[in-house]
Amino acid sequence: MGESGKLTLVHDHPLPLPDPGEALIRTTMAGICSTDLEIARGYMGFGGVLGHEFVGVVEQAPDEPELVGQRVVGEINLPCRACPTCLVGRGNHCPHRRVLGIAHKDGAFADYLTLPIRNLHPIPDCVSDTAAVFTEPLAAAFRILEQVCFTPETKVAVLGAGRLGQLVARVLAVEGVDVTAIGRGRGKLDLLEKVSVKTALEGEITGAGLFDVVVDATGASVGLARAMALVRPCGTIILKTTVAAPANMGANQMVIDEITVIGSRCGPFDVALTALETGAIDPAPLITGAFALDEAEEAMRVAAMPGSIKVLLTI
């Protein structure tokens, strides 16, 4: 990504050098997510190497040489670990943090990247690269379970059946939550019906206040307004959408109906890897296609198409 927001394929990007406590990782696979597409549209004003969903092999780890050769995935936030926010255990919200492929840190759409060793998670032998590359977004889906207490009686709607909506709906269904996925196309919804998730097309559900919790995974600036139309008074909206375009907040109705709004971002990698290892979550049906790194511009174009779910880069 150039500073102008233009996507550029660079053939002579310098090899990154690990800082103390970091590892050099040879990237083997990366996933394109909605955040990458939004950054390409100007979100975050990032100029650097995109990509934060990855699988790689540790090539150098001077502080822990036993890690060399290990397949890993990695958490994307690099906090300062010294500010008041970090010292109370909220490093993911450090005001000085760098974020892999998103803010002040070159990402995974490259042959090599560096990350702190403490960010790395070994991949179980039975988990393939094509499954492990879903660890970061799957962890983000599991984050919801850390933020909201669900019971079997909780009625939940997931708006959006794309990249993250698919994983959120699957996670909630595995946890026994009464979840309905609402999307714009039958094809993506059919994938969820195969794992026993209830589905509906936009417009098929009529009436206001039908759900206790609504998760906005639309990836669109109108997602919050759609969620407001479905959540009951004193209900909860969970926001998973980040977009370059401004959202219509509808703050007056939030006050009147006493709606709780929760932002939800990164989640537990260990839980996500366990779900992949046990087969509780199988992301294979979500893969639209795979491209070589030198085809990254075409891969981004395909990832932005309405019918795509997850496009991978093999590196």
C-alpha atoms as a PDB file:
ATOM      1  CA  MET A   1       0.000   0.000   0.000  1.00  0.00           C
ATOM      2  CA  GLY A   2       1.389   3.364  -1.013  1.00  0.00           C
ATOM      3  CA  GLU A   3       0.679   6.359   1.171  1.00  0.00           C
ATOM      4  CA  SER A   4      -1.744   7.551  -1.475  1.00  0.00           C
ATOM      5  CA  GLY A   5      -3.882   4.451  -0.874  1.00  0.00           C
ATOM      6  CA  LYS A   6      -2.865   2.845  -4.173  1.00  0.00           C
ATOM      7  CA  LEU A   7      -2.152  -0.881  -4.166  1.00  0.00           C
ATOM      8  CA  THR A   8       1.318  -1.633  -5.490  1.00  0.00           C
ATOM      9  CA  LEU A   9       3.195  -4.919  -5.923  1.00  0.00           C
ATOM     10  CA  VAL A  10       6.807  -4.423  -4.804  1.00  0.00           C
ATOM     11  CA  HIS A  11       9.423  -6.971  -5.892  1.00  0.00           C
ATOM     12  CA  ASP A  12      12.415  -5.619  -3.940  1.00  0.00           C
ATOM     13  CA  HIS A  13      10.936  -4.929  -0.498  1.00  0.00           C
ATOM     14  CA  PRO A  14      13.757  -5.183   2.074  1.00  0.00           C
ATOM     15  CA  LEU A  15      13.921  -8.180   4.396  1.00  0.00           C
ATOM     16  CA  PRO A  16      12.553  -7.102   7.791  1.00  0.00           C
ATOM     17  CA  LEU A  17      14.948  -7.447  10.719  1.00  0.00           C
ATOM     18  CA  PRO A  18      13.576  -8.744  14.026  1.00  0.00           C
ATOM     19  CA  ASP A  19      13.997  -6.482  17.046  1.00  0.00           C
ATOM     20  CA  PRO A  20      15.013  -7.984  20.407  1.00  0.00           C
ATOM     21  CA  GLY A  21      12.265 -10.361  21.523  1.00  0.00           C
ATOM     22  CA  GLU A  22      10.958 -10.757  17.985  1.00  0.00           C
ATOM     23  CA  ALA A  23      11.017 -13.557  15.422  1.00  0.00           C
ATOM     24  CA  LEU A  24      11.475 -13.462  11.671  1.00  0.00           C
ATOM     25  CA  ILE A  25       8.675 -15.438  10.077  1.00  0.00           C
ATOM     26  CA  ARG A  26       8.512 -16.753   6.530  1.00  0.00           C
ATOM     27  CA  THR A  27       4.908 -16.300   5.462  1.00  0.00           C
ATOM     28  CA  THR A  28       3.336 -19.349   3.800  1.00  0.00           C
ATOM     29  CA  MET A  29      -0.301 -18.263   3.571  1.00  0.00           C
ATOM     30  CA  ALA A  30      -2.352 -15.145   4.226  1.00  0.00           C
ATOM     31  CA  GLY A  31      -6.036 -14.309   4.162  1.00  0.00           C
ATOM     32  CA  ILE A  32      -7.700 -11.215   2.746  1.00  0.00           C
ATOM     33  CA  CYS A  33     -10.325  -9.747   5.049  1.00  0.00           C
ATOM     34  CA  SER A  34     -12.743  -6.846   4.884  1.00  0.00           C
ATOM     35  CA  THR A  35     -10.363  -4.639   6.851  1.00  0.00           C
ATOM     36  CA  ASP A  36      -7.748  -5.049   4.102  1.00  0.00           C
ATOM     37  CA  LEU A  37     -10.319  -3.992   1.514  1.00  0.00           C
ATOM     38  CA  GLU A  38     -11.353  -0.985   3.602  1.00  0.00           C
ATOM     39  CA  ILE A  39      -7.726   0.081   4.113  1.00  0.00           C
ATOM     40  CA  ALA A  40      -7.383   0.040   0.327  1.00  0.00           C
ATOM     41  CA  ARG A  41     -10.317   2.487   0.281  1.00  0.00           C
ATOM     42  CA  GLY A  42      -8.628   4.815   2.766  1.00  0.00           C
ATOM     43  CA  TYR A  43      -9.546   3.403   6.195  1.00  0.00           C
ATOM     44  CA  MET A  44      -6.815   4.067   8.815  1.00  0.00           C
ATOM     45  CA  GLY A  45      -4.661   6.006   6.327  1.00  0.00           C
ATOM     46  CA  PHE A  46      -2.163   3.138   6.312  1.00  0.00           C
ATOM     47  CA  GLY A  47       0.845   3.111   3.984  1.00  0.00           C
ATOM     48  CA  GLY A  48       2.776  -0.164   4.137  1.00  0.00           C
ATOM     49  CA  VAL A  49       2.422  -3.907   3.640  1.00  0.00           C
ATOM     50  CA  LEU A  50      -1.151  -5.100   4.134  1.00  0.00           C
ATOM     51  CA  GLY A  51      -2.281  -8.347   5.760  1.00  0.00           C
ATOM     52  CA  HIS A  52      -2.836  -9.548   9.321  1.00  0.00           C
ATOM     53  CA  GLU A  53      -4.275 -13.057   8.889  1.00  0.00           C
ATOM     54  CA  PHE A  54      -1.360 -15.410   8.259  1.00  0.00           C
ATOM     55  CA  VAL A  55       0.377 -18.720   8.696  1.00  0.00           C
ATOM     56  CA  GLY A  56       4.152 -18.795   8.718  1.00  0.00           C
ATOM     57  CA  VAL A  57       7.302 -20.656   9.727  1.00  0.00           C
ATOM     58  CA  VAL A  58       9.771 -19.194  12.206  1.00  0.00           C
ATOM     59  CA  GLU A  59      13.080 -18.587  10.420  1.00  0.00           C
ATOM     60  CA  GLN A  60      14.928 -16.677  13.144  1.00  0.00           C
ATOM     61  CA  ALA A  61      14.246 -16.273  16.861  1.00  0.00           C
ATOM     62  CA  PRO A  62      17.508 -15.257  18.557  1.00  0.00           C
ATOM     63  CA  ASP A  63      15.922 -15.185  22.022  1.00  0.00           C
ATOM     64  CA  GLU A  64      14.185 -18.573  21.605  1.00  0.00           C
ATOM     65  CA  PRO A  65      16.052 -20.555  18.917  1.00  0.00           C
ATOM     66  CA  GLU A  66      14.016 -23.675  19.646  1.00  0.00           C
ATOM     67  CA  LEU A  67      11.125 -22.007  17.788  1.00  0.00           C
ATOM     68  CA  VAL A  68      12.961 -22.104  14.443  1.00  0.00           C
ATOM     69  CA  GLY A  69      11.022 -24.298  12.011  1.00  0.00           C
ATOM     70  CA  GLN A  70       7.778 -24.048  14.000  1.00  0.00           C
ATOM     71  CA  ARG A  71       4.539 -23.257  12.128  1.00  0.00           C
ATOM     72  CA  VAL A  72       2.843 -20.327  13.810  1.00  0.00           C
ATOM     73  CA  VAL A  73       0.037 -17.829  13.697  1.00  0.00           C
ATOM     74  CA  GLY A  74       0.323 -14.495  15.458  1.00  0.00           C
ATOM     75  CA  GLU A  75      -1.686 -11.938  17.375  1.00  0.00           C
ATOM     76  CA  ILE A  76      -1.730  -8.646  15.537  1.00  0.00           C
ATOM     77  CA  ASN A  77      -1.443  -6.010  18.280  1.00  0.00           C
ATOM     78  CA  LEU A  78       1.983  -4.763  19.371  1.00  0.00           C
ATOM     79  CA  PRO A  79       1.425  -2.703  22.538  1.00  0.00           C
ATOM     80  CA  CYS A  80       4.104  -0.619  24.222  1.00  0.00           C
ATOM     81  CA  ARG A  81       3.678  -2.619  27.475  1.00  0.00           C
ATOM     82  CA  ALA A  82       4.679   0.424  29.531  1.00  0.00           C
ATOM     83  CA  CYS A  83       1.722   2.844  29.488  1.00  0.00           C
ATOM     84  CA  PRO A  84      -1.098   2.860  32.068  1.00  0.00           C
ATOM     85  CA  THR A  85      -3.419   1.012  29.649  1.00  0.00           C
ATOM     86  CA  CYS A  86      -0.892  -1.790  29.162  1.00  0.00           C
ATOM     87  CA  LEU A  87      -0.061  -2.004  32.858  1.00  0.00           C
ATOM     88  CA  VAL A  88      -3.692  -2.798  33.726  1.00  0.00           C
ATOM     89  CA  GLY A  89      -3.816  -5.595  31.133  1.00  0.00           C
ATOM     90  CA  ARG A  90      -5.467  -3.851  28.192  1.00  0.00           C
ATOM     91  CA  GLY A  91      -2.572  -4.041  25.753  1.00  0.00           C
ATOM     92  CA  ASN A  92      -4.883  -4.542  22.770  1.00  0.00           C
ATOM     93  CA  HIS A  93      -6.066  -0.983  23.430  1.00  0.00           C
ATOM     94  CA  CYS A  94      -2.663   0.573  24.060  1.00  0.00           C
ATOM     95  CA  PRO A  95      -2.802   4.116  22.622  1.00  0.00           C
ATOM     96  CA  HIS A  96       0.732   3.636  21.278  1.00  0.00           C
ATOM     97  CA  ARG A  97       0.211   0.196  19.765  1.00  0.00           C
ATOM     98  CA  ARG A  98       1.207  -0.877  16.303  1.00  0.00           C
ATOM     99  CA  VAL A  99      -1.067  -3.297  14.481  1.00  0.00           C
ATOM    100  CA  LEU A 100       0.157  -5.820  11.929  1.00  0.00           C
ATOM    101  CA  GLY A 101      -0.767  -4.695   8.420  1.00  0.00           C
ATOM    102  CA  ILE A 102      -3.099  -2.008   9.782  1.00  0.00           C
ATOM    103  CA  ALA A 103      -1.173   0.629  11.730  1.00  0.00           C
ATOM    104  CA  HIS A 104       2.572   1.384  11.730  1.00  0.00           C
ATOM    105  CA  LYS A 105       3.611  -2.261  11.177  1.00  0.00           C
ATOM    106  CA  ASP A 106       4.196  -4.014   7.857  1.00  0.00           C
ATOM    107  CA  GLY A 107       1.933  -7.017   7.465  1.00  0.00           C
ATOM    108  CA  ALA A 108       1.657 -10.499   6.033  1.00  0.00           C
ATOM    109  CA  PHE A 109       1.194  -9.925   2.291  1.00  0.00           C
ATOM    110  CA  ALA A 110       4.924 -10.443   1.911  1.00  0.00           C
ATOM    111  CA  ASP A 111       7.531 -13.201   1.946  1.00  0.00           C
ATOM    112  CA  TYR A 112       8.592 -12.324   5.490  1.00  0.00           C
ATOM    113  CA  LEU A 113       7.289 -10.480   8.535  1.00  0.00           C
ATOM    114  CA  THR A 114       8.398  -9.940  12.118  1.00  0.00           C
ATOM    115  CA  LEU A 115       6.393 -10.202  15.320  1.00  0.00           C
ATOM    116  CA  PRO A 116       7.186 -10.391  19.029  1.00  0.00           C
ATOM    117  CA  ILE A 117       7.675 -13.986  20.124  1.00  0.00           C
ATOM    118  CA  ARG A 118       5.033 -13.489  22.804  1.00  0.00           C
ATOM    119  CA  ASN A 119       2.488 -12.857  20.009  1.00  0.00           C
ATOM    120  CA  LEU A 120       3.084 -16.247  18.386  1.00  0.00           C
ATOM    121  CA  HIS A 121       1.002 -19.400  18.761  1.00  0.00           C
ATOM    122  CA  PRO A 122       2.220 -22.803  17.531  1.00  0.00           C
ATOM    123  CA  ILE A 123      -0.190 -24.533  15.170  1.00  0.00           C
ATOM    124  CA  PRO A 124      -1.244 -28.087  16.098  1.00  0.00           C
ATOM    125  CA  ASP A 125       0.121 -30.648  13.636  1.00  0.00           C
ATOM    126  CA  CYS A 126      -3.357 -31.779  12.607  1.00  0.00           C
ATOM    127  CA  VAL A 127      -4.453 -28.263  11.576  1.00  0.00           C
ATOM    128  CA  SER A 128      -3.682 -27.471   7.935  1.00  0.00           C
ATOM    129  CA  ASP A 129      -2.398 -24.104   6.757  1.00  0.00           C
ATOM    130  CA  THR A 130      -5.712 -23.449   5.007  1.00  0.00           C
ATOM    131  CA  ALA A 131      -7.536 -23.916   8.308  1.00  0.00           C
ATOM    132  CA  ALA A 132      -4.958 -22.154  10.493  1.00  0.00           C
ATOM    133  CA  VAL A 133      -5.085 -19.005   8.351  1.00  0.00           C
ATOM    134  CA  PHE A 134      -8.583 -18.476   9.798  1.00  0.00           C
ATOM    135  CA  THR A 135      -7.257 -18.285  13.382  1.00  0.00           C
ATOM    136  CA  GLU A 136      -7.277 -14.488  13.672  1.00  0.00           C
ATOM    137  CA  PRO A 137     -10.841 -13.903  12.387  1.00  0.00           C
ATOM    138  CA  LEU A 138     -12.103 -16.971  14.247  1.00  0.00           C
ATOM    139  CA  ALA A 139     -10.602 -15.585  17.455  1.00  0.00           C
ATOM    140  CA  ALA A 140     -12.441 -12.325  16.722  1.00  0.00           C
ATOM    141  CA  ALA A 141     -15.671 -14.317  16.498  1.00  0.00           C
ATOM    142  CA  PHE A 142     -14.980 -15.997  19.851  1.00  0.00           C
ATOM    143  CA  ARG A 143     -14.357 -12.566  21.395  1.00  0.00           C
ATOM    144  CA  ILE A 144     -18.130 -12.072  21.483  1.00  0.00           C
ATOM    145  CA  LEU A 145     -18.460 -14.879  24.045  1.00  0.00           C
ATOM    146  CA  GLU A 146     -16.085 -12.977  26.340  1.00  0.00           C
ATOM    147  CA  GLN A 147     -18.179  -9.818  26.109  1.00  0.00           C
ATOM    148  CA  VAL A 148     -21.785 -11.002  26.348  1.00  0.00           C
ATOM    149  CA  CYS A 149     -23.395 -13.722  28.444  1.00  0.00           C
ATOM    150  CA  PHE A 150     -25.620 -15.866  26.224  1.00  0.00           C
ATOM    151  CA  THR A 151     -28.238 -18.367  27.364  1.00  0.00           C
ATOM    152  CA  PRO A 152     -30.189 -20.872  25.252  1.00  0.00           C
ATOM    153  CA  GLU A 153     -33.085 -18.404  25.405  1.00  0.00           C
ATOM    154  CA  THR A 154     -31.096 -15.483  23.991  1.00  0.00           C
ATOM    155  CA  LYS A 155     -32.299 -14.684  20.492  1.00  0.00           C
ATOM    156  CA  VAL A 156     -29.407 -13.469  18.335  1.00  0.00           C
ATOM    157  CA  ALA A 157     -29.263 -12.119  14.803  1.00  0.00           C
ATOM    158  CA  VAL A 158     -26.015 -11.951  12.844  1.00  0.00           C
ATOM    159  CA  LEU A 159     -26.239  -9.361  10.092  1.00  0.00           C
ATOM    160  CA  GLY A 160     -24.003 -10.315   7.200  1.00  0.00           C
ATOM    161  CA  ALA A 161     -23.094 -13.780   5.958  1.00  0.00           C
ATOM    162  CA  GLY A 162     -19.674 -12.887   4.589  1.00  0.00           C
ATOM    163  CA  ARG A 163     -16.177 -13.438   5.950  1.00  0.00           C
ATOM    164  CA  LEU A 164     -16.705 -12.666   9.611  1.00  0.00           C
ATOM    165  CA  GLY A 165     -20.467 -13.202   9.771  1.00  0.00           C
ATOM    166  CA  GLN A 166     -19.976 -16.829   8.732  1.00  0.00           C
ATOM    167  CA  LEU A 167     -17.548 -17.436  11.588  1.00  0.00           C
ATOM    168  CA  VAL A 168     -19.597 -15.541  14.177  1.00  0.00           C
ATOM    169  CA  ALA A 169     -22.748 -17.502  13.317  1.00  0.00           C
ATOM    170  CA  ARG A 170     -20.855 -20.801  13.455  1.00  0.00           C
ATOM    171  CA  VAL A 171     -19.283 -19.996  16.828  1.00  0.00           C
ATOM    172  CA  LEU A 172     -22.617 -19.009  18.352  1.00  0.00           C
ATOM    173  CA  ALA A 173     -24.306 -22.130  16.961  1.00  0.00           C
ATOM    174  CA  VAL A 174     -21.579 -24.383  18.385  1.00  0.00           C
ATOM    175  CA  GLU A 175     -22.183 -22.724  21.757  1.00  0.00           C
ATOM    176  CA  GLY A 176     -25.884 -23.598  21.584  1.00  0.00           C
ATOM    177  CA  VAL A 177     -27.121 -20.048  21.012  1.00  0.00           C
ATOM    178  CA  ASP A 178     -30.406 -19.446  19.159  1.00  0.00           C
ATOM    179  CA  VAL A 179     -28.874 -17.607  16.196  1.00  0.00           C
ATOM    180  CA  THR A 180     -30.323 -16.427  12.890  1.00  0.00           C
ATOM    181  CA  ALA A 181     -28.016 -15.250  10.121  1.00  0.00           C
ATOM    182  CA  ILE A 182     -29.426 -12.535   7.861  1.00  0.00           C
ATOM    183  CA  GLY A 183     -27.809 -11.896   4.506  1.00  0.00           C
ATOM    184  CA  ARG A 184     -28.304 -10.496   1.040  1.00  0.00           C
ATOM    185  CA  GLY A 185     -27.716 -13.661  -0.988  1.00  0.00           C
ATOM    186  CA  ARG A 186     -28.943 -17.205  -0.700  1.00  0.00           C
ATOM    187  CA  GLY A 187     -25.589 -18.804  -1.583  1.00  0.00           C
ATOM    188  CA  LYS A 188     -23.738 -17.689   1.541  1.00  0.00           C
ATOM    189  CA  LEU A 189     -26.742 -18.381   3.739  1.00  0.00           C
ATOM    190  CA  ASP A 190     -26.984 -21.911   2.370  1.00  0.00           C
ATOM    191  CA  LEU A 191     -23.485 -22.586   3.719  1.00  0.00           C
ATOM    192  CA  LEU A 192     -24.757 -21.733   7.192  1.00  0.00           C
ATOM    193  CA  GLU A 193     -27.859 -23.863   6.861  1.00  0.00           C
ATOM    194  CA  LYS A 194     -25.552 -26.839   6.261  1.00  0.00           C
ATOM    195  CA  VAL A 195     -24.255 -26.385   9.808  1.00  0.00           C
ATOM    196  CA  SER A 196     -27.776 -25.972  11.243  1.00  0.00           C
ATOM    197  CA  VAL A 197     -27.821 -22.174  11.500  1.00  0.00           C
ATOM    198  CA  LYS A 198     -31.195 -20.562  10.840  1.00  0.00           C
ATOM    199  CA  THR A 199     -31.083 -18.043   8.019  1.00  0.00           C
ATOM    200  CA  ALA A 200     -33.148 -15.327   6.389  1.00  0.00           C
ATOM    201  CA  LEU A 201     -32.724 -12.952   3.490  1.00  0.00           C
ATOM    202  CA  GLU A 202     -32.832  -9.223   4.165  1.00  0.00           C
ATOM    203  CA  GLY A 203     -36.469  -8.174   4.081  1.00  0.00           C
ATOM    204  CA  GLU A 204     -37.830 -11.591   5.072  1.00  0.00           C
ATOM    205  CA  ILE A 205     -37.834 -10.699   8.769  1.00  0.00           C
ATOM    206  CA  THR A 206     -40.425  -8.038   9.469  1.00  0.00           C
ATOM    207  CA  GLY A 207     -41.187  -6.296  12.709  1.00  0.00           C
ATOM    208  CA  ALA A 208     -39.040  -4.360  15.143  1.00  0.00           C
ATOM    209  CA  GLY A 209     -37.343  -5.486  18.329  1.00  0.00           C
ATOM    210  CA  LEU A 210     -37.264  -9.192  17.526  1.00  0.00           C
ATOM    211  CA  PHE A 211     -33.789 -10.012  18.863  1.00  0.00           C
ATOM    212  CA  ASP A 212     -32.068  -9.678  22.223  1.00  0.00           C
ATOM    213  CA  VAL A 213     -28.644  -9.332  20.584  1.00  0.00           C
ATOM    214  CA  VAL A 214     -27.757  -8.222  17.058  1.00  0.00           C
ATOM    215  CA  VAL A 215     -24.237  -8.620  15.684  1.00  0.00           C
ATOM    216  CA  ASP A 216     -23.339  -6.231  12.876  1.00  0.00           C
ATOM    217  CA  ALA A 217     -20.940  -8.095  10.591  1.00  0.00           C
ATOM    218  CA  THR A 218     -22.193  -6.448   7.410  1.00  0.00           C
ATOM    219  CA  GLY A 219     -18.972  -4.638   6.619  1.00  0.00           C
ATOM    220  CA  ALA A 220     -21.151  -1.702   5.549  1.00  0.00           C
ATOM    221  CA  SER A 221     -21.815   1.729   7.026  1.00  0.00           C
ATOM    222  CA  VAL A 222     -25.559   0.965   7.076  1.00  0.00           C
ATOM    223  CA  GLY A 223     -25.074  -2.045   9.353  1.00  0.00           C
ATOM    224  CA  LEU A 224     -25.696  -0.170  12.592  1.00  0.00           C
ATOM    225  CA  ALA A 225     -29.003   1.229  11.341  1.00  0.00           C
ATOM    226  CA  ARG A 226     -30.095  -2.270  10.308  1.00  0.00           C
ATOM    227  CA  ALA A 227     -29.154  -3.593  13.720  1.00  0.00           C
ATOM    228  CA  MET A 228     -31.159  -0.852  15.426  1.00  0.00           C
ATOM    229  CA  ALA A 229     -34.236  -1.914  13.490  1.00  0.00           C
ATOM    230  CA  LEU A 230     -34.000  -5.485  14.804  1.00  0.00           C
ATOM    231  CA  VAL A 231     -32.829  -5.208  18.406  1.00  0.00           C
ATOM    232  CA  ARG A 232     -35.368  -5.044  21.210  1.00  0.00           C
ATOM    233  CA  PRO A 233     -35.476  -2.213  23.783  1.00  0.00           C
ATOM    234  CA  CYS A 234     -32.758  -2.764  26.392  1.00  0.00           C
ATOM    235  CA  GLY A 235     -31.070  -5.157  23.975  1.00  0.00           C
ATOM    236  CA  THR A 236     -27.465  -5.292  22.809  1.00  0.00           C
ATOM    237  CA  ILE A 237     -25.771  -4.501  19.511  1.00  0.00           C
ATOM    238  CA  ILE A 238     -22.290  -5.896  18.905  1.00  0.00           C
ATOM    239  CA  LEU A 239     -20.332  -4.013  16.266  1.00  0.00           C
ATOM    240  CA  LYS A 240     -17.862  -6.003  14.183  1.00  0.00           C
ATOM    241  CA  THR A 241     -17.889  -3.643  11.196  1.00  0.00           C
ATOM    242  CA  THR A 242     -15.088  -1.171  10.484  1.00  0.00           C
ATOM    243  CA  VAL A 243     -15.444   0.869   7.305  1.00  0.00           C
ATOM    244  CA  ALA A 244     -13.928   3.934   5.713  1.00  0.00           C
ATOM    245  CA  ALA A 245     -17.366   5.526   5.189  1.00  0.00           C
ATOM    246  CA  PRO A 246     -19.052   7.186   8.198  1.00  0.00           C
ATOM    247  CA  ALA A 247     -21.929   5.356   9.873  1.00  0.00           C
ATOM    248  CA  ASN A 248     -25.370   6.724  10.739  1.00  0.00           C
ATOM    249  CA  MET A 249     -25.277   6.461  14.519  1.00  0.00           C
ATOM    250  CA  GLY A 250     -28.992   6.819  15.321  1.00  0.00           C
ATOM    251  CA  ALA A 251     -27.993   7.963  18.806  1.00  0.00           C
ATOM    252  CA  ASN A 252     -31.428   9.296  19.756  1.00  0.00           C
ATOM    253  CA  GLN A 253     -33.071   5.904  19.362  1.00  0.00           C
ATOM    254  CA  MET A 254     -30.250   4.247  21.285  1.00  0.00           C
ATOM    255  CA  VAL A 255     -31.019   6.521  24.213  1.00  0.00           C
ATOM    256  CA  ILE A 256     -34.787   6.094  23.978  1.00  0.00           C
ATOM    257  CA  ASP A 257     -34.591   2.289  23.769  1.00  0.00           C
ATOM    258  CA  GLU A 258     -31.648   2.044  26.195  1.00  0.00           C
ATOM    259  CA  ILE A 259     -29.588  -0.012  23.770  1.00  0.00           C
ATOM    260  CA  THR A 260     -26.181  -1.314  24.822  1.00  0.00           C
ATOM    261  CA  VAL A 261     -23.621  -0.998  22.012  1.00  0.00           C
ATOM    262  CA  ILE A 262     -20.417  -3.022  22.258  1.00  0.00           C
ATOM    263  CA  GLY A 263     -17.441  -2.723  19.966  1.00  0.00           C
ATOM    264  CA  SER A 264     -15.780  -6.079  19.401  1.00  0.00           C
ATOM    265  CA  ARG A 265     -12.382  -6.674  17.852  1.00  0.00           C
ATOM    266  CA  CYS A 266      -9.571  -9.169  18.576  1.00  0.00           C
ATOM    267  CA  GLY A 267     -10.115 -12.391  20.472  1.00  0.00           C
ATOM    268  CA  PRO A 268      -8.492 -15.483  22.030  1.00  0.00           C
ATOM    269  CA  PHE A 269      -6.147 -17.342  19.671  1.00  0.00           C
ATOM    270  CA  ASP A 270      -5.879 -20.381  21.950  1.00  0.00           C
ATOM    271  CA  VAL A 271      -9.643 -20.912  21.879  1.00  0.00           C
ATOM    272  CA  ALA A 272      -9.748 -20.507  18.092  1.00  0.00           C
ATOM    273  CA  LEU A 273      -6.906 -22.989  17.556  1.00  0.00           C
ATOM    274  CA  THR A 274      -8.639 -25.523  19.802  1.00  0.00           C
ATOM    275  CA  ALA A 275     -11.852 -25.179  17.771  1.00  0.00           C
ATOM    276  CA  LEU A 276      -9.883 -25.814  14.587  1.00  0.00           C
ATOM    277  CA  GLU A 277      -7.985 -28.739  16.133  1.00  0.00           C
ATOM    278  CA  THR A 278     -11.137 -30.482  17.371  1.00  0.00           C
ATOM    279  CA  GLY A 279     -13.081 -29.786  14.183  1.00  0.00           C
ATOM    280  CA  ALA A 280     -15.733 -27.820  16.066  1.00  0.00           C
ATOM    281  CA  ILE A 281     -15.290 -25.160  13.389  1.00  0.00           C
ATOM    282  CA  ASP A 282     -14.451 -26.181   9.811  1.00  0.00           C
ATOM    283  CA  PRO A 283     -13.638 -23.116   7.695  1.00  0.00           C
ATOM    284  CA  ALA A 284     -12.906 -25.035   4.479  1.00  0.00           C
ATOM    285  CA  PRO A 285     -16.299 -24.275   2.845  1.00  0.00           C
ATOM    286  CA  LEU A 286     -15.589 -20.544   3.195  1.00  0.00           C
ATOM    287  CA  ILE A 287     -12.593 -20.498   0.839  1.00  0.00           C
ATOM    288  CA  THR A 288     -13.457 -18.810  -2.448  1.00  0.00           C
ATOM    289  CA  GLY A 289     -10.032 -19.205  -4.042  1.00  0.00           C
ATOM    290  CA  ALA A 290      -6.272 -18.931  -3.647  1.00  0.00           C
ATOM    291  CA  PHE A 291      -3.757 -16.782  -5.518  1.00  0.00           C
ATOM    292  CA  ALA A 292       0.025 -16.484  -5.588  1.00  0.00           C
ATOM    293  CA  LEU A 293       1.533 -13.419  -3.960  1.00  0.00           C
ATOM    294  CA  ASP A 294       2.379 -11.858  -7.324  1.00  0.00           C
ATOM    295  CA  GLU A 295      -1.341 -12.078  -8.140  1.00  0.00           C
ATOM    296  CA  ALA A 296      -2.276 -10.083  -5.026  1.00  0.00           C
ATOM    297  CA  GLU A 297      -3.959  -7.249  -6.919  1.00  0.00           C
ATOM    298  CA  GLU A 298      -6.254  -9.719  -8.699  1.00  0.00           C
ATOM    299  CA  ALA A 299      -6.852 -11.499  -5.387  1.00  0.00           C
ATOM    300  CA  MET A 300      -7.976  -8.224  -3.810  1.00  0.00           C
ATOM    301  CA  ARG A 301     -10.311  -7.605  -6.742  1.00  0.00           C
ATOM    302  CA  VAL A 302     -11.873 -11.060  -6.364  1.00  0.00           C
ATOM    303  CA  ALA A 303     -12.140 -10.660  -2.587  1.00  0.00           C
ATOM    304  CA  ALA A 304     -14.177  -7.486  -3.124  1.00  0.00           C
ATOM    305  CA  MET A 305     -16.711  -9.240  -5.359  1.00  0.00           C
ATOM    306  CA  PRO A 306     -20.155  -9.785  -3.775  1.00  0.00           C
ATOM    307  CA  GLY A 307     -20.028 -13.584  -4.012  1.00  0.00           C
ATOM    308  CA  SER A 308     -16.616 -13.990  -2.397  1.00  0.00           C
ATOM    309  CA  ILE A 309     -16.054 -15.074   1.167  1.00  0.00           C
ATOM    310  CA  LYS A 310     -12.396 -15.811   1.906  1.00  0.00           C
ATOM    311  CA  VAL A 311      -9.642 -15.347  -0.645  1.00  0.00           C
ATOM    312  CA  LEU A 312      -6.185 -16.648   0.276  1.00  0.00           C
ATOM    313  CA  LEU A 313      -2.668 -15.755  -0.809  1.00  0.00           C
ATOM    314  CA  THR A 314      -0.181 -18.621  -1.011  1.00  0.00           C
ATOM    315  CA  ILE A 315       3.310 -17.322  -0.465  1.00  0.00           C
END
